[in-house]
Amino acid sequence: MKKLEQLVESLESGTVSLDDLVTKYEEGMRLLKSCQGSLQAAELRIEQLGKRNEGNGQS
């Protein structure tokens, strides 16, 4: 996540060459997809834990 934030700051600075801009954008998109995958996995795990607790009579 920190690397993604650093990339955004670099892109917003306006001091990056066009080639670097494209490279950093591509890297940012890869990092974003990775973060989204991690978030989805965590959400699924939380959902499964909630269902397990409901099945045990817990809330």
PDB file of N, CA and C in Angstrom:
ATOM      1  N   MET A   1       0.830  -1.186   0.000  1.00  0.00           N
ATOM      2  CA  MET A   1       0.000   0.000   0.000  1.00  0.00           C
ATOM      3  C   MET A   1       0.881   1.258   0.000  1.00  0.00           C
ATOM      4  N   LYS A   2       1.949   1.225   0.788  1.00  0.00           N
ATOM      5  CA  LYS A   2       2.849   2.379   0.866  1.00  0.00           C
ATOM      6  C   LYS A   2       3.469   2.665  -0.499  1.00  0.00           C
ATOM      7  N   LYS A   3       3.853   1.625  -1.214  1.00  0.00           N
ATOM      8  CA  LYS A   3       4.454   1.795  -2.543  1.00  0.00           C
ATOM      9  C   LYS A   3       3.451   2.451  -3.489  1.00  0.00           C
ATOM     10  N   LEU A   4       2.192   2.051  -3.401  1.00  0.00           N
ATOM     11  CA  LEU A   4       1.148   2.635  -4.237  1.00  0.00           C
ATOM     12  C   LEU A   4       0.978   4.117  -3.913  1.00  0.00           C
ATOM     13  N   GLU A   5       0.998   4.459  -2.641  1.00  0.00           N
ATOM     14  CA  GLU A   5       0.890   5.861  -2.233  1.00  0.00           C
ATOM     15  C   GLU A   5       2.068   6.678  -2.765  1.00  0.00           C
ATOM     16  N   GLN A   6       3.268   6.098  -2.717  1.00  0.00           N
ATOM     17  CA  GLN A   6       4.454   6.790  -3.221  1.00  0.00           C
ATOM     18  C   GLN A   6       4.352   7.018  -4.730  1.00  0.00           C
ATOM     19  N   LEU A   7       3.820   6.030  -5.445  1.00  0.00           N
ATOM     20  CA  LEU A   7       3.647   6.176  -6.886  1.00  0.00           C
ATOM     21  C   LEU A   7       2.675   7.306  -7.203  1.00  0.00           C
ATOM     22  N   VAL A   8       1.576   7.364  -6.473  1.00  0.00           N
ATOM     23  CA  VAL A   8       0.586   8.418  -6.697  1.00  0.00           C
ATOM     24  C   VAL A   8       1.212   9.792  -6.453  1.00  0.00           C
ATOM     25  N   GLU A   9       1.957   9.920  -5.371  1.00  0.00           N
ATOM     26  CA  GLU A   9       2.625  11.193  -5.078  1.00  0.00           C
ATOM     27  C   GLU A   9       3.579  11.579  -6.207  1.00  0.00           C
ATOM     28  N   SER A  10       4.310  10.601  -6.713  1.00  0.00           N
ATOM     29  CA  SER A  10       5.257  10.850  -7.798  1.00  0.00           C
ATOM     30  C   SER A  10       4.526  11.297  -9.061  1.00  0.00           C
ATOM     31  N   LEU A  11       3.410  10.635  -9.357  1.00  0.00           N
ATOM     32  CA  LEU A  11       2.640  10.985 -10.546  1.00  0.00           C
ATOM     33  C   LEU A  11       2.040  12.380 -10.419  1.00  0.00           C
ATOM     34  N   GLU A  12       1.590  12.725  -9.227  1.00  0.00           N
ATOM     35  CA  GLU A  12       0.958  14.020  -9.004  1.00  0.00           C
ATOM     36  C   GLU A  12       1.965  15.169  -8.951  1.00  0.00           C
ATOM     37  N   SER A  13       3.231  14.861  -8.776  1.00  0.00           N
ATOM     38  CA  SER A  13       4.243  15.909  -8.642  1.00  0.00           C
ATOM     39  C   SER A  13       4.450  16.694  -9.935  1.00  0.00           C
ATOM     40  N   GLY A  14       4.170  16.061 -11.061  1.00  0.00           N
ATOM     41  CA  GLY A  14       4.340  16.727 -12.343  1.00  0.00           C
ATOM     42  C   GLY A  14       5.778  16.796 -12.820  1.00  0.00           C
ATOM     43  N   THR A  15       6.686  16.148 -12.125  1.00  0.00           N
ATOM     44  CA  THR A  15       8.103  16.200 -12.501  1.00  0.00           C
ATOM     45  C   THR A  15       8.584  14.911 -13.163  1.00  0.00           C
ATOM     46  N   VAL A  16       7.677  14.020 -13.472  1.00  0.00           N
ATOM     47  CA  VAL A  16       8.024  12.714 -14.034  1.00  0.00           C
ATOM     48  C   VAL A  16       7.964  12.794 -15.559  1.00  0.00           C
ATOM     49  N   SER A  17       8.958  12.202 -16.225  1.00  0.00           N
ATOM     50  CA  SER A  17       8.951  12.179 -17.693  1.00  0.00           C
ATOM     51  C   SER A  17       7.802  11.295 -18.180  1.00  0.00           C
ATOM     52  N   LEU A  18       7.438  11.456 -19.429  1.00  0.00           N
ATOM     53  CA  LEU A  18       6.331  10.689 -19.993  1.00  0.00           C
ATOM     54  C   LEU A  18       6.594   9.191 -19.908  1.00  0.00           C
ATOM     55  N   ASP A  19       7.809   8.762 -20.242  1.00  0.00           N
ATOM     56  CA  ASP A  19       8.137   7.335 -20.167  1.00  0.00           C
ATOM     57  C   ASP A  19       8.017   6.822 -18.733  1.00  0.00           C
ATOM     58  N   ASP A  20       8.548   7.590 -17.787  1.00  0.00           N
ATOM     59  CA  ASP A  20       8.446   7.191 -16.383  1.00  0.00           C
ATOM     60  C   ASP A  20       6.999   7.213 -15.918  1.00  0.00           C
ATOM     61  N   LEU A  21       6.239   8.169 -16.412  1.00  0.00           N
ATOM     62  CA  LEU A  21       4.830   8.275 -16.051  1.00  0.00           C
ATOM     63  C   LEU A  21       4.074   7.008 -16.443  1.00  0.00           C
ATOM     64  N   VAL A  22       4.299   6.550 -17.660  1.00  0.00           N
ATOM     65  CA  VAL A  22       3.631   5.340 -18.139  1.00  0.00           C
ATOM     66  C   VAL A  22       4.076   4.128 -17.325  1.00  0.00           C
ATOM     67  N   THR A  23       5.369   4.015 -17.075  1.00  0.00           N
ATOM     68  CA  THR A  23       5.898   2.896 -16.291  1.00  0.00           C
ATOM     69  C   THR A  23       5.319   2.894 -14.881  1.00  0.00           C
ATOM     70  N   LYS A  24       5.292   4.057 -14.250  1.00  0.00           N
ATOM     71  CA  LYS A  24       4.762   4.158 -12.891  1.00  0.00           C
ATOM     72  C   LYS A  24       3.261   3.880 -12.865  1.00  0.00           C
ATOM     73  N   TYR A  25       2.548   4.323 -13.889  1.00  0.00           N
ATOM     74  CA  TYR A  25       1.113   4.054 -13.980  1.00  0.00           C
ATOM     75  C   TYR A  25       0.865   2.550 -14.070  1.00  0.00           C
ATOM     76  N   GLU A  26       1.627   1.883 -14.920  1.00  0.00           N
ATOM     77  CA  GLU A  26       1.477   0.430 -15.062  1.00  0.00           C
ATOM     78  C   GLU A  26       1.774  -0.274 -13.742  1.00  0.00           C
ATOM     79  N   GLU A  27       2.834   0.139 -13.074  1.00  0.00           N
ATOM     80  CA  GLU A  27       3.174  -0.462 -11.785  1.00  0.00           C
ATOM     81  C   GLU A  27       2.067  -0.197 -10.771  1.00  0.00           C
ATOM     82  N   GLY A  28       1.538   0.998 -10.786  1.00  0.00           N
ATOM     83  CA  GLY A  28       0.448   1.346  -9.881  1.00  0.00           C
ATOM     84  C   GLY A  28      -0.783   0.487 -10.114  1.00  0.00           C
ATOM     85  N   MET A  29      -1.096   0.222 -11.359  1.00  0.00           N
ATOM     86  CA  MET A  29      -2.256  -0.619 -11.669  1.00  0.00           C
ATOM     87  C   MET A  29      -2.038  -2.049 -11.180  1.00  0.00           C
ATOM     88  N   ARG A  30      -0.813  -2.556 -11.313  1.00  0.00           N
ATOM     89  CA  ARG A  30      -0.518  -3.901 -10.800  1.00  0.00           C
ATOM     90  C   ARG A  30      -0.662  -3.934  -9.277  1.00  0.00           C
ATOM     91  N   LEU A  31      -0.142  -2.911  -8.618  1.00  0.00           N
ATOM     92  CA  LEU A  31      -0.253  -2.848  -7.158  1.00  0.00           C
ATOM     93  C   LEU A  31      -1.706  -2.714  -6.724  1.00  0.00           C
ATOM     94  N   LEU A  32      -2.480  -1.926  -7.455  1.00  0.00           N
ATOM     95  CA  LEU A  32      -3.898  -1.755  -7.138  1.00  0.00           C
ATOM     96  C   LEU A  32      -4.637  -3.086  -7.231  1.00  0.00           C
ATOM     97  N   LYS A  33      -4.376  -3.842  -8.286  1.00  0.00           N
ATOM     98  CA  LYS A  33      -5.024  -5.149  -8.441  1.00  0.00           C
ATOM     99  C   LYS A  33      -4.632  -6.086  -7.306  1.00  0.00           C
ATOM    100  N   SER A  34      -3.380  -6.037  -6.907  1.00  0.00           N
ATOM    101  CA  SER A  34      -2.920  -6.866  -5.795  1.00  0.00           C
ATOM    102  C   SER A  34      -3.636  -6.484  -4.505  1.00  0.00           C
ATOM    103  N   CYS A  35      -3.745  -5.189  -4.253  1.00  0.00           N
ATOM    104  CA  CYS A  35      -4.440  -4.713  -3.046  1.00  0.00           C
ATOM    105  C   CYS A  35      -5.913  -5.110  -3.077  1.00  0.00           C
ATOM    106  N   GLN A  36      -6.541  -4.988  -4.234  1.00  0.00           N
ATOM    107  CA  GLN A  36      -7.945  -5.367  -4.357  1.00  0.00           C
ATOM    108  C   GLN A  36      -8.128  -6.861  -4.102  1.00  0.00           C
ATOM    109  N   GLY A  37      -7.216  -7.676  -4.602  1.00  0.00           N
ATOM    110  CA  GLY A  37      -7.281  -9.116  -4.365  1.00  0.00           C
ATOM    111  C   GLY A  37      -7.140  -9.443  -2.893  1.00  0.00           C
ATOM    112  N   SER A  38      -6.224  -8.779  -2.217  1.00  0.00           N
ATOM    113  CA  SER A  38      -6.042  -8.996  -0.780  1.00  0.00           C
ATOM    114  C   SER A  38      -7.282  -8.578  -0.010  1.00  0.00           C
ATOM    115  N   LEU A  39      -7.874  -7.460  -0.398  1.00  0.00           N
ATOM    116  CA  LEU A  39      -9.082  -6.977   0.265  1.00  0.00           C
ATOM    117  C   LEU A  39     -10.243  -7.944   0.060  1.00  0.00           C
ATOM    118  N   GLN A  40     -10.405  -8.444  -1.146  1.00  0.00           N
ATOM    119  CA  GLN A  40     -11.475  -9.396  -1.421  1.00  0.00           C
ATOM    120  C   GLN A  40     -11.289 -10.679  -0.621  1.00  0.00           C
ATOM    121  N   ALA A  41     -10.060 -11.150  -0.519  1.00  0.00           N
ATOM    122  CA  ALA A  41      -9.785 -12.358   0.259  1.00  0.00           C
ATOM    123  C   ALA A  41     -10.109 -12.132   1.730  1.00  0.00           C
ATOM    124  N   ALA A  42      -9.756 -10.965   2.256  1.00  0.00           N
ATOM    125  CA  ALA A  42     -10.054 -10.654   3.656  1.00  0.00           C
ATOM    126  C   ALA A  42     -11.557 -10.553   3.881  1.00  0.00           C
ATOM    127  N   GLU A  43     -12.271  -9.917   2.953  1.00  0.00           N
ATOM    128  CA  GLU A  43     -13.724  -9.798   3.077  1.00  0.00           C
ATOM    129  C   GLU A  43     -14.384 -11.173   3.066  1.00  0.00           C
ATOM    130  N   LEU A  44     -13.926 -12.054   2.196  1.00  0.00           N
ATOM    131  CA  LEU A  44     -14.475 -13.402   2.117  1.00  0.00           C
ATOM    132  C   LEU A  44     -14.229 -14.157   3.415  1.00  0.00           C
ATOM    133  N   ARG A  45     -13.040 -14.026   3.939  1.00  0.00           N
ATOM    134  CA  ARG A  45     -12.706 -14.709   5.194  1.00  0.00           C
ATOM    135  C   ARG A  45     -13.581 -14.200   6.334  1.00  0.00           C
ATOM    136  N   ILE A  46     -13.770 -12.886   6.410  1.00  0.00           N
ATOM    137  CA  ILE A  46     -14.620 -12.306   7.456  1.00  0.00           C
ATOM    138  C   ILE A  46     -16.055 -12.791   7.305  1.00  0.00           C
ATOM    139  N   GLU A  47     -16.534 -12.836   6.064  1.00  0.00           N
ATOM    140  CA  GLU A  47     -17.889 -13.321   5.806  1.00  0.00           C
ATOM    141  C   GLU A  47     -18.037 -14.776   6.249  1.00  0.00           C
ATOM    142  N   GLN A  48     -17.048 -15.600   5.938  1.00  0.00           N
ATOM    143  CA  GLN A  48     -17.097 -17.013   6.321  1.00  0.00           C
ATOM    144  C   GLN A  48     -17.066 -17.174   7.834  1.00  0.00           C
ATOM    145  N   LEU A  49     -16.257 -16.369   8.502  1.00  0.00           N
ATOM    146  CA  LEU A  49     -16.207 -16.425   9.965  1.00  0.00           C
ATOM    147  C   LEU A  49     -17.540 -16.011  10.565  1.00  0.00           C
ATOM    148  N   GLY A  50     -18.173 -15.006   9.985  1.00  0.00           N
ATOM    149  CA  GLY A  50     -19.479 -14.567  10.461  1.00  0.00           C
ATOM    150  C   GLY A  50     -20.520 -15.654  10.302  1.00  0.00           C
ATOM    151  N   LYS A  51     -20.509 -16.335   9.173  1.00  0.00           N
ATOM    152  CA  LYS A  51     -21.465 -17.422   8.944  1.00  0.00           C
ATOM    153  C   LYS A  51     -21.209 -18.575   9.901  1.00  0.00           C
ATOM    154  N   ARG A  52     -19.940 -18.849  10.168  1.00  0.00           N
ATOM    155  CA  ARG A  52     -19.592 -19.925  11.092  1.00  0.00           C
ATOM    156  C   ARG A  52     -20.116 -19.601  12.492  1.00  0.00           C
ATOM    157  N   ASN A  53     -19.953 -18.350  12.905  1.00  0.00           N
ATOM    158  CA  ASN A  53     -20.436 -17.939  14.223  1.00  0.00           C
ATOM    159  C   ASN A  53     -21.954 -17.967  14.289  1.00  0.00           C
ATOM    160  N   GLU A  54     -22.638 -17.608  13.207  1.00  0.00           N
ATOM    161  CA  GLU A  54     -24.096 -17.671  13.172  1.00  0.00           C
ATOM    162  C   GLU A  54     -24.559 -19.117  13.294  1.00  0.00           C
ATOM    163  N   GLY A  55     -23.840 -20.018  12.673  1.00  0.00           N
ATOM    164  CA  GLY A  55     -24.179 -21.433  12.739  1.00  0.00           C
ATOM    165  C   GLY A  55     -23.991 -22.011  14.125  1.00  0.00           C
ATOM    166  N   ASN A  56     -23.137 -21.396  14.922  1.00  0.00           N
ATOM    167  CA  ASN A  56     -22.892 -21.840  16.290  1.00  0.00           C
ATOM    168  C   ASN A  56     -23.787 -21.122  17.285  1.00  0.00           C
ATOM    169  N   GLY A  57     -24.723 -20.325  16.791  1.00  0.00           N
ATOM    170  CA  GLY A  57     -25.611 -19.598  17.682  1.00  0.00           C
ATOM    171  C   GLY A  57     -25.002 -18.347  18.257  1.00  0.00           C
ATOM    172  N   GLN A  58     -23.895 -17.906  17.691  1.00  0.00           N
ATOM    173  CA  GLN A  58     -23.239 -16.686  18.159  1.00  0.00           C
ATOM    174  C   GLN A  58     -23.531 -15.559  17.180  1.00  0.00           C
ATOM    175  N   SER A  59     -23.424 -14.328  17.665  1.00  0.00           N
ATOM    176  CA  SER A  59     -23.630 -13.191  16.769  1.00  0.00           C
ATOM    177  C   SER A  59     -22.583 -12.143  16.964  1.00  0.00           C
TER     178      SER A  59
END
